[in-house]
Amino acid sequence: MRIERVTDAEEVHRGADLFDAPPIPEATHRFLSDPTHHLLFAYDDAGRPVGMISGVETTHPDKGTEMLIYELGVAPVARLQGIGTALVSAMADLARKAGCYGMWVATENDNAAALATYRSAGALEETTFTLLSWDLLVDSPGQT
C-alpha cells in the first residue's frame, strides 16, 4: 500500500467509489485548487485507490491553524487492513509539516469503525458536544 496526495481531478474521479456521492466537477476543482485543502488516497499493490482522507486547514486569529479531518473512506474489500489508520496518520504528518498545532474530527457516536480507527491513530476523546448545522440550500425560517 502507498499513500499519495491527490492533486488531479481525473484521479479524484478514478477513486469516485470512495466518496459518499459522485464527485462534482466544480467542487472538485475548487477543493484541489485551494492549498489548504488536502486529499490523500491509499493505493493497493495493483495501483487501485482503496482509501481516501480529506482534510481542511482552519485558521483563527487567536488559535493558529489546525487540521479538520473532513472525511475518511475505505473500500469495503480493503477494510480491517489498517488503511484507515494509515491515512489518518499520513494526514497528521501532513498537518505537522503545514504547521498545524492540532487536528480534529467529528463522527457519529455509534460509528464504531470510525471511532476505533481514530483511536488507533492516537486520537484522544474530548467531552461530548452538540453539533448544530444549517441547510443553506433551503429557505430560511420565515422566508417565502
N, C-alpha and C. Protein backbone atom coordinates (compact mmCIF):
# COMPACT_ATOMS: atom_id res chain seq x y z
N MET A 1 0.85 -1.18 0.00
CA MET A 1 0.00 0.00 0.00
C MET A 1 0.89 1.23 0.00
N ARG A 2 0.47 2.22 -0.75
CA ARG A 2 1.14 3.52 -0.73
C ARG A 2 0.08 4.60 -0.55
N ILE A 3 0.46 5.73 0.03
CA ILE A 3 -0.44 6.86 0.23
C ILE A 3 0.16 8.06 -0.49
N GLU A 4 -0.67 8.73 -1.27
CA GLU A 4 -0.23 9.90 -2.03
C GLU A 4 -1.27 11.01 -1.96
N ARG A 5 -0.78 12.23 -2.04
CA ARG A 5 -1.68 13.38 -2.13
C ARG A 5 -2.25 13.45 -3.55
N VAL A 6 -3.54 13.69 -3.65
CA VAL A 6 -4.22 13.79 -4.94
C VAL A 6 -4.35 15.27 -5.30
N THR A 7 -3.89 15.61 -6.51
CA THR A 7 -3.96 17.00 -6.97
C THR A 7 -4.63 17.11 -8.33
N ASP A 8 -5.11 16.00 -8.88
CA ASP A 8 -5.66 15.97 -10.22
C ASP A 8 -7.11 15.49 -10.19
N ALA A 9 -7.99 16.24 -10.83
CA ALA A 9 -9.42 15.89 -10.85
C ALA A 9 -9.67 14.52 -11.47
N GLU A 10 -8.89 14.17 -12.46
CA GLU A 10 -9.05 12.85 -13.09
C GLU A 10 -8.81 11.73 -12.07
N GLU A 11 -7.85 11.93 -11.19
CA GLU A 11 -7.56 10.92 -10.17
C GLU A 11 -8.69 10.86 -9.14
N VAL A 12 -9.28 12.00 -8.82
CA VAL A 12 -10.44 12.02 -7.91
C VAL A 12 -11.54 11.15 -8.50
N HIS A 13 -11.82 11.31 -9.77
CA HIS A 13 -12.88 10.54 -10.42
C HIS A 13 -12.53 9.06 -10.52
N ARG A 14 -11.23 8.74 -10.60
CA ARG A 14 -10.81 7.33 -10.60
C ARG A 14 -11.13 6.66 -9.27
N GLY A 15 -11.12 7.45 -8.19
CA GLY A 15 -11.45 6.93 -6.87
C GLY A 15 -12.86 7.30 -6.43
N ALA A 16 -13.74 7.57 -7.36
CA ALA A 16 -15.09 8.07 -7.04
C ALA A 16 -15.86 7.17 -6.08
N ASP A 17 -15.62 5.87 -6.14
CA ASP A 17 -16.34 4.94 -5.25
C ASP A 17 -15.99 5.12 -3.78
N LEU A 18 -14.93 5.85 -3.49
CA LEU A 18 -14.52 6.06 -2.10
C LEU A 18 -15.31 7.17 -1.43
N PHE A 19 -16.02 7.97 -2.21
CA PHE A 19 -16.79 9.10 -1.69
C PHE A 19 -18.24 8.70 -1.44
N ASP A 20 -18.94 9.52 -0.66
CA ASP A 20 -20.35 9.27 -0.38
C ASP A 20 -21.23 9.39 -1.62
N ALA A 21 -20.83 10.26 -2.53
CA ALA A 21 -21.59 10.52 -3.77
C ALA A 21 -20.58 10.82 -4.87
N PRO A 22 -21.00 10.79 -6.12
CA PRO A 22 -20.07 11.09 -7.21
C PRO A 22 -19.48 12.49 -7.06
N PRO A 23 -18.17 12.64 -7.30
CA PRO A 23 -17.56 13.96 -7.22
C PRO A 23 -18.21 14.94 -8.19
N ILE A 24 -18.39 16.15 -7.74
CA ILE A 24 -18.95 17.24 -8.53
C ILE A 24 -17.79 17.99 -9.18
N PRO A 25 -17.74 18.11 -10.49
CA PRO A 25 -16.58 18.71 -11.15
C PRO A 25 -16.18 20.09 -10.60
N GLU A 26 -17.15 20.99 -10.42
CA GLU A 26 -16.82 22.34 -9.94
C GLU A 26 -16.26 22.29 -8.51
N ALA A 27 -16.87 21.47 -7.66
CA ALA A 27 -16.40 21.36 -6.28
C ALA A 27 -15.03 20.69 -6.22
N THR A 28 -14.81 19.71 -7.07
CA THR A 28 -13.51 19.05 -7.13
C THR A 28 -12.43 20.04 -7.52
N HIS A 29 -12.69 20.84 -8.54
CA HIS A 29 -11.71 21.86 -8.97
C HIS A 29 -11.43 22.85 -7.85
N ARG A 30 -12.48 23.33 -7.20
CA ARG A 30 -12.31 24.31 -6.13
C ARG A 30 -11.51 23.71 -4.97
N PHE A 31 -11.83 22.47 -4.59
CA PHE A 31 -11.12 21.80 -3.49
C PHE A 31 -9.65 21.66 -3.83
N LEU A 32 -9.36 21.11 -5.02
CA LEU A 32 -7.98 20.84 -5.39
C LEU A 32 -7.15 22.09 -5.61
N SER A 33 -7.79 23.20 -5.96
CA SER A 33 -7.04 24.44 -6.22
C SER A 33 -6.72 25.22 -4.95
N ASP A 34 -7.26 24.82 -3.82
CA ASP A 34 -7.00 25.51 -2.56
C ASP A 34 -5.86 24.81 -1.82
N PRO A 35 -4.74 25.49 -1.58
CA PRO A 35 -3.59 24.83 -0.94
C PRO A 35 -3.83 24.41 0.51
N THR A 36 -4.91 24.88 1.12
CA THR A 36 -5.22 24.48 2.50
C THR A 36 -6.19 23.31 2.56
N HIS A 37 -6.56 22.79 1.40
CA HIS A 37 -7.42 21.60 1.32
C HIS A 37 -6.54 20.43 0.88
N HIS A 38 -6.69 19.29 1.55
CA HIS A 38 -5.81 18.16 1.31
C HIS A 38 -6.63 16.89 1.07
N LEU A 39 -6.23 16.13 0.07
CA LEU A 39 -6.87 14.86 -0.26
C LEU A 39 -5.78 13.82 -0.46
N LEU A 40 -5.84 12.76 0.32
CA LEU A 40 -4.88 11.67 0.21
C LEU A 40 -5.62 10.41 -0.20
N PHE A 41 -5.03 9.64 -1.10
CA PHE A 41 -5.55 8.33 -1.48
C PHE A 41 -4.56 7.27 -1.03
N ALA A 42 -5.09 6.13 -0.61
CA ALA A 42 -4.29 4.93 -0.38
C ALA A 42 -4.51 4.03 -1.59
N TYR A 43 -3.42 3.46 -2.08
CA TYR A 43 -3.48 2.59 -3.26
C TYR A 43 -3.02 1.18 -2.88
N ASP A 44 -3.67 0.18 -3.46
CA ASP A 44 -3.24 -1.20 -3.23
C ASP A 44 -2.04 -1.50 -4.13
N ASP A 45 -1.55 -2.71 -4.06
CA ASP A 45 -0.36 -3.08 -4.83
C ASP A 45 -0.58 -3.03 -6.34
N ALA A 46 -1.83 -3.10 -6.77
CA ALA A 46 -2.15 -3.01 -8.20
C ALA A 46 -2.38 -1.56 -8.65
N GLY A 47 -2.23 -0.60 -7.73
CA GLY A 47 -2.40 0.81 -8.07
C GLY A 47 -3.82 1.31 -8.03
N ARG A 48 -4.74 0.52 -7.46
CA ARG A 48 -6.14 0.94 -7.36
C ARG A 48 -6.35 1.76 -6.09
N PRO A 49 -7.12 2.86 -6.17
CA PRO A 49 -7.45 3.61 -4.95
C PRO A 49 -8.35 2.76 -4.05
N VAL A 50 -7.93 2.56 -2.80
CA VAL A 50 -8.72 1.75 -1.86
C VAL A 50 -9.09 2.51 -0.59
N GLY A 51 -8.62 3.75 -0.47
CA GLY A 51 -8.96 4.56 0.70
C GLY A 51 -8.69 6.02 0.42
N MET A 52 -9.39 6.87 1.13
CA MET A 52 -9.17 8.31 0.97
C MET A 52 -9.43 9.01 2.30
N ILE A 53 -8.74 10.14 2.46
CA ILE A 53 -9.00 11.03 3.59
C ILE A 53 -8.88 12.45 3.06
N SER A 54 -9.78 13.32 3.50
CA SER A 54 -9.69 14.73 3.15
C SER A 54 -9.57 15.54 4.43
N GLY A 55 -8.82 16.60 4.32
CA GLY A 55 -8.63 17.49 5.46
C GLY A 55 -8.60 18.93 5.01
N VAL A 56 -8.97 19.81 5.92
CA VAL A 56 -9.00 21.24 5.63
C VAL A 56 -8.32 21.97 6.78
N GLU A 57 -7.34 22.80 6.44
CA GLU A 57 -6.70 23.64 7.45
C GLU A 57 -7.65 24.78 7.80
N THR A 58 -7.85 24.99 9.08
CA THR A 58 -8.66 26.11 9.54
C THR A 58 -7.80 26.99 10.44
N THR A 59 -7.88 28.28 10.23
CA THR A 59 -7.05 29.24 10.97
C THR A 59 -7.94 30.25 11.67
N HIS A 60 -7.59 30.55 12.91
CA HIS A 60 -8.32 31.55 13.69
C HIS A 60 -7.29 32.49 14.30
N PRO A 61 -7.61 33.80 14.39
CA PRO A 61 -6.63 34.77 14.86
C PRO A 61 -6.02 34.46 16.23
N ASP A 62 -6.79 33.90 17.15
CA ASP A 62 -6.22 33.68 18.49
C ASP A 62 -5.82 32.23 18.75
N LYS A 63 -5.89 31.38 17.74
CA LYS A 63 -5.57 29.98 17.96
C LYS A 63 -4.48 29.46 17.02
N GLY A 64 -4.37 30.02 15.85
CA GLY A 64 -3.46 29.50 14.86
C GLY A 64 -4.19 28.56 13.93
N THR A 65 -3.47 27.59 13.36
CA THR A 65 -4.03 26.71 12.35
C THR A 65 -4.10 25.28 12.86
N GLU A 66 -5.24 24.66 12.61
CA GLU A 66 -5.42 23.24 12.93
C GLU A 66 -6.02 22.54 11.72
N MET A 67 -5.92 21.22 11.73
CA MET A 67 -6.44 20.42 10.62
C MET A 67 -7.75 19.78 11.03
N LEU A 68 -8.76 19.94 10.20
CA LEU A 68 -10.05 19.27 10.35
C LEU A 68 -10.05 18.08 9.40
N ILE A 69 -10.21 16.87 9.93
CA ILE A 69 -10.42 15.72 9.05
C ILE A 69 -11.87 15.81 8.61
N TYR A 70 -12.05 16.02 7.33
CA TYR A 70 -13.40 16.21 6.80
C TYR A 70 -14.07 14.89 6.50
N GLU A 71 -13.34 13.95 5.90
CA GLU A 71 -13.96 12.67 5.55
C GLU A 71 -12.88 11.61 5.42
N LEU A 72 -13.25 10.40 5.79
CA LEU A 72 -12.39 9.23 5.67
C LEU A 72 -13.21 8.11 5.07
N GLY A 73 -12.67 7.43 4.07
CA GLY A 73 -13.38 6.31 3.46
C GLY A 73 -12.43 5.23 3.01
N VAL A 74 -12.81 3.99 3.25
CA VAL A 74 -12.03 2.84 2.81
C VAL A 74 -12.97 1.89 2.06
N ALA A 75 -12.51 1.41 0.91
CA ALA A 75 -13.32 0.48 0.11
C ALA A 75 -13.64 -0.75 0.94
N PRO A 76 -14.86 -1.29 0.84
CA PRO A 76 -15.24 -2.47 1.63
C PRO A 76 -14.24 -3.62 1.54
N VAL A 77 -13.69 -3.88 0.36
CA VAL A 77 -12.75 -5.00 0.20
C VAL A 77 -11.42 -4.75 0.89
N ALA A 78 -11.16 -3.51 1.29
CA ALA A 78 -9.87 -3.17 1.88
C ALA A 78 -9.96 -2.85 3.37
N ARG A 79 -11.13 -3.02 3.96
CA ARG A 79 -11.30 -2.68 5.38
C ARG A 79 -10.61 -3.71 6.28
N LEU A 80 -10.35 -3.28 7.50
CA LEU A 80 -9.71 -4.11 8.53
C LEU A 80 -8.29 -4.50 8.15
N GLN A 81 -7.62 -3.65 7.38
CA GLN A 81 -6.23 -3.88 6.99
C GLN A 81 -5.32 -2.74 7.44
N GLY A 82 -5.85 -1.83 8.25
CA GLY A 82 -5.04 -0.71 8.74
C GLY A 82 -4.96 0.47 7.80
N ILE A 83 -5.72 0.44 6.72
CA ILE A 83 -5.64 1.53 5.73
C ILE A 83 -6.19 2.83 6.31
N GLY A 84 -7.32 2.77 7.01
CA GLY A 84 -7.88 3.98 7.61
C GLY A 84 -6.91 4.61 8.61
N THR A 85 -6.32 3.79 9.46
CA THR A 85 -5.36 4.30 10.44
C THR A 85 -4.14 4.90 9.76
N ALA A 86 -3.66 4.25 8.69
CA ALA A 86 -2.52 4.78 7.94
C ALA A 86 -2.86 6.12 7.30
N LEU A 87 -4.08 6.26 6.78
CA LEU A 87 -4.49 7.53 6.18
C LEU A 87 -4.57 8.64 7.23
N VAL A 88 -5.12 8.33 8.40
CA VAL A 88 -5.20 9.33 9.47
C VAL A 88 -3.79 9.74 9.89
N SER A 89 -2.90 8.79 10.04
CA SER A 89 -1.52 9.09 10.43
C SER A 89 -0.83 9.94 9.37
N ALA A 90 -1.08 9.64 8.09
CA ALA A 90 -0.49 10.43 7.00
C ALA A 90 -1.03 11.86 7.02
N MET A 91 -2.32 12.02 7.33
CA MET A 91 -2.88 13.38 7.41
C MET A 91 -2.27 14.12 8.60
N ALA A 92 -2.05 13.43 9.71
CA ALA A 92 -1.42 14.07 10.86
C ALA A 92 0.00 14.52 10.51
N ASP A 93 0.74 13.69 9.78
CA ASP A 93 2.08 14.08 9.35
C ASP A 93 2.03 15.31 8.46
N LEU A 94 1.09 15.33 7.52
CA LEU A 94 0.92 16.48 6.63
C LEU A 94 0.59 17.73 7.45
N ALA A 95 -0.30 17.57 8.44
CA ALA A 95 -0.69 18.70 9.28
C ALA A 95 0.50 19.26 10.05
N ARG A 96 1.31 18.37 10.61
CA ARG A 96 2.52 18.82 11.33
C ARG A 96 3.42 19.62 10.39
N LYS A 97 3.66 19.10 9.19
CA LYS A 97 4.52 19.78 8.22
C LYS A 97 3.95 21.12 7.80
N ALA A 98 2.61 21.25 7.81
CA ALA A 98 1.95 22.50 7.45
C ALA A 98 1.93 23.50 8.62
N GLY A 99 2.43 23.08 9.79
CA GLY A 99 2.48 23.97 10.94
C GLY A 99 1.22 23.97 11.79
N CYS A 100 0.35 22.99 11.61
CA CYS A 100 -0.87 22.91 12.41
C CYS A 100 -0.53 22.55 13.86
N TYR A 101 -1.21 23.17 14.80
CA TYR A 101 -0.98 22.86 16.21
C TYR A 101 -1.80 21.66 16.67
N GLY A 102 -2.82 21.26 15.91
CA GLY A 102 -3.66 20.14 16.29
C GLY A 102 -4.48 19.66 15.10
N MET A 103 -5.20 18.58 15.34
CA MET A 103 -6.07 18.00 14.31
C MET A 103 -7.31 17.47 15.02
N TRP A 104 -8.46 17.58 14.37
CA TRP A 104 -9.69 17.10 15.00
C TRP A 104 -10.65 16.52 13.96
N VAL A 105 -11.59 15.76 14.47
CA VAL A 105 -12.60 15.13 13.64
C VAL A 105 -13.86 14.95 14.47
N ALA A 106 -14.99 14.95 13.82
CA ALA A 106 -16.26 14.62 14.49
C ALA A 106 -16.85 13.42 13.76
N THR A 107 -17.44 12.51 14.51
CA THR A 107 -18.11 11.36 13.92
C THR A 107 -19.30 10.98 14.79
N GLU A 108 -20.16 10.18 14.25
CA GLU A 108 -21.35 9.76 14.98
C GLU A 108 -20.94 8.89 16.17
N ASN A 109 -21.69 9.02 17.28
CA ASN A 109 -21.39 8.24 18.48
C ASN A 109 -21.48 6.75 18.27
N ASP A 110 -22.30 6.32 17.31
CA ASP A 110 -22.48 4.87 17.08
C ASP A 110 -21.64 4.34 15.92
N ASN A 111 -20.72 5.13 15.40
CA ASN A 111 -19.87 4.70 14.30
C ASN A 111 -18.62 4.02 14.88
N ALA A 112 -18.80 2.76 15.27
CA ALA A 112 -17.74 2.02 15.96
C ALA A 112 -16.47 1.91 15.11
N ALA A 113 -16.61 1.70 13.81
CA ALA A 113 -15.44 1.56 12.95
C ALA A 113 -14.62 2.85 12.92
N ALA A 114 -15.30 3.98 12.75
CA ALA A 114 -14.59 5.26 12.71
C ALA A 114 -13.93 5.55 14.06
N LEU A 115 -14.66 5.33 15.14
CA LEU A 115 -14.09 5.58 16.46
C LEU A 115 -12.86 4.72 16.70
N ALA A 116 -12.92 3.45 16.33
CA ALA A 116 -11.77 2.56 16.50
C ALA A 116 -10.59 3.02 15.66
N THR A 117 -10.86 3.43 14.43
CA THR A 117 -9.79 3.90 13.54
C THR A 117 -9.11 5.14 14.12
N TYR A 118 -9.89 6.13 14.51
CA TYR A 118 -9.31 7.37 15.03
C TYR A 118 -8.55 7.11 16.33
N ARG A 119 -9.09 6.28 17.20
CA ARG A 119 -8.39 5.95 18.44
C ARG A 119 -7.10 5.21 18.16
N SER A 120 -7.11 4.27 17.21
CA SER A 120 -5.89 3.53 16.92
C SER A 120 -4.82 4.42 16.29
N ALA A 121 -5.24 5.54 15.71
CA ALA A 121 -4.29 6.50 15.14
C ALA A 121 -3.85 7.54 16.17
N GLY A 122 -4.26 7.36 17.43
CA GLY A 122 -3.78 8.23 18.50
C GLY A 122 -4.70 9.35 18.93
N ALA A 123 -5.93 9.41 18.41
CA ALA A 123 -6.85 10.47 18.81
C ALA A 123 -7.30 10.27 20.25
N LEU A 124 -7.44 11.36 20.95
CA LEU A 124 -7.97 11.35 22.32
C LEU A 124 -9.39 11.85 22.28
N GLU A 125 -10.26 11.21 23.05
CA GLU A 125 -11.66 11.61 23.07
C GLU A 125 -11.83 12.82 23.98
N GLU A 126 -12.55 13.82 23.46
CA GLU A 126 -12.84 15.01 24.25
C GLU A 126 -14.27 14.92 24.76
N THR A 127 -14.67 15.92 25.49
CA THR A 127 -16.01 15.92 26.05
C THR A 127 -17.05 15.95 24.95
N THR A 128 -18.22 15.44 25.24
CA THR A 128 -19.31 15.43 24.29
C THR A 128 -19.74 16.85 23.97
N PHE A 129 -20.16 17.06 22.74
CA PHE A 129 -20.67 18.36 22.35
C PHE A 129 -21.90 18.17 21.48
N THR A 130 -22.63 19.23 21.29
CA THR A 130 -23.80 19.20 20.43
C THR A 130 -23.44 19.82 19.11
N LEU A 131 -23.75 19.13 18.04
CA LEU A 131 -23.48 19.63 16.70
C LEU A 131 -24.76 20.24 16.15
N LEU A 132 -24.69 21.48 15.75
CA LEU A 132 -25.81 22.18 15.12
C LEU A 132 -25.40 22.48 13.69
N SER A 133 -26.33 22.42 12.76
CA SER A 133 -25.99 22.69 11.37
C SER A 133 -27.10 23.47 10.69
N TRP A 134 -26.75 24.07 9.59
CA TRP A 134 -27.69 24.82 8.78
C TRP A 134 -27.74 24.21 7.40
N ASP A 135 -28.91 24.01 6.85
CA ASP A 135 -29.06 23.61 5.47
C ASP A 135 -29.27 24.88 4.67
N LEU A 136 -28.22 25.33 4.02
CA LEU A 136 -28.26 26.61 3.32
C LEU A 136 -28.89 26.54 1.93
N LEU A 137 -29.33 25.36 1.55
CA LEU A 137 -29.96 25.21 0.25
C LEU A 137 -31.48 25.28 0.32
N VAL A 138 -32.02 25.51 1.51
CA VAL A 138 -33.47 25.68 1.67
C VAL A 138 -33.72 27.08 2.19
N ASP A 139 -34.95 27.52 2.07
CA ASP A 139 -35.31 28.85 2.56
C ASP A 139 -35.13 28.93 4.06
N SER A 140 -34.75 30.11 4.53
CA SER A 140 -34.61 30.35 5.96
C SER A 140 -35.99 30.42 6.59
N PRO A 141 -36.10 30.09 7.89
CA PRO A 141 -37.40 30.21 8.56
C PRO A 141 -37.97 31.62 8.40
N GLY A 142 -39.22 31.68 8.10
CA GLY A 142 -39.91 32.95 7.96
C GLY A 142 -39.83 33.55 6.57
N GLN A 143 -39.00 32.95 5.69
CA GLN A 143 -38.90 33.47 4.33
C GLN A 143 -39.83 32.69 3.41
N THR A 144 -40.28 33.35 2.38
CA THR A 144 -41.12 32.66 1.40
C THR A 144 -40.49 32.74 0.03
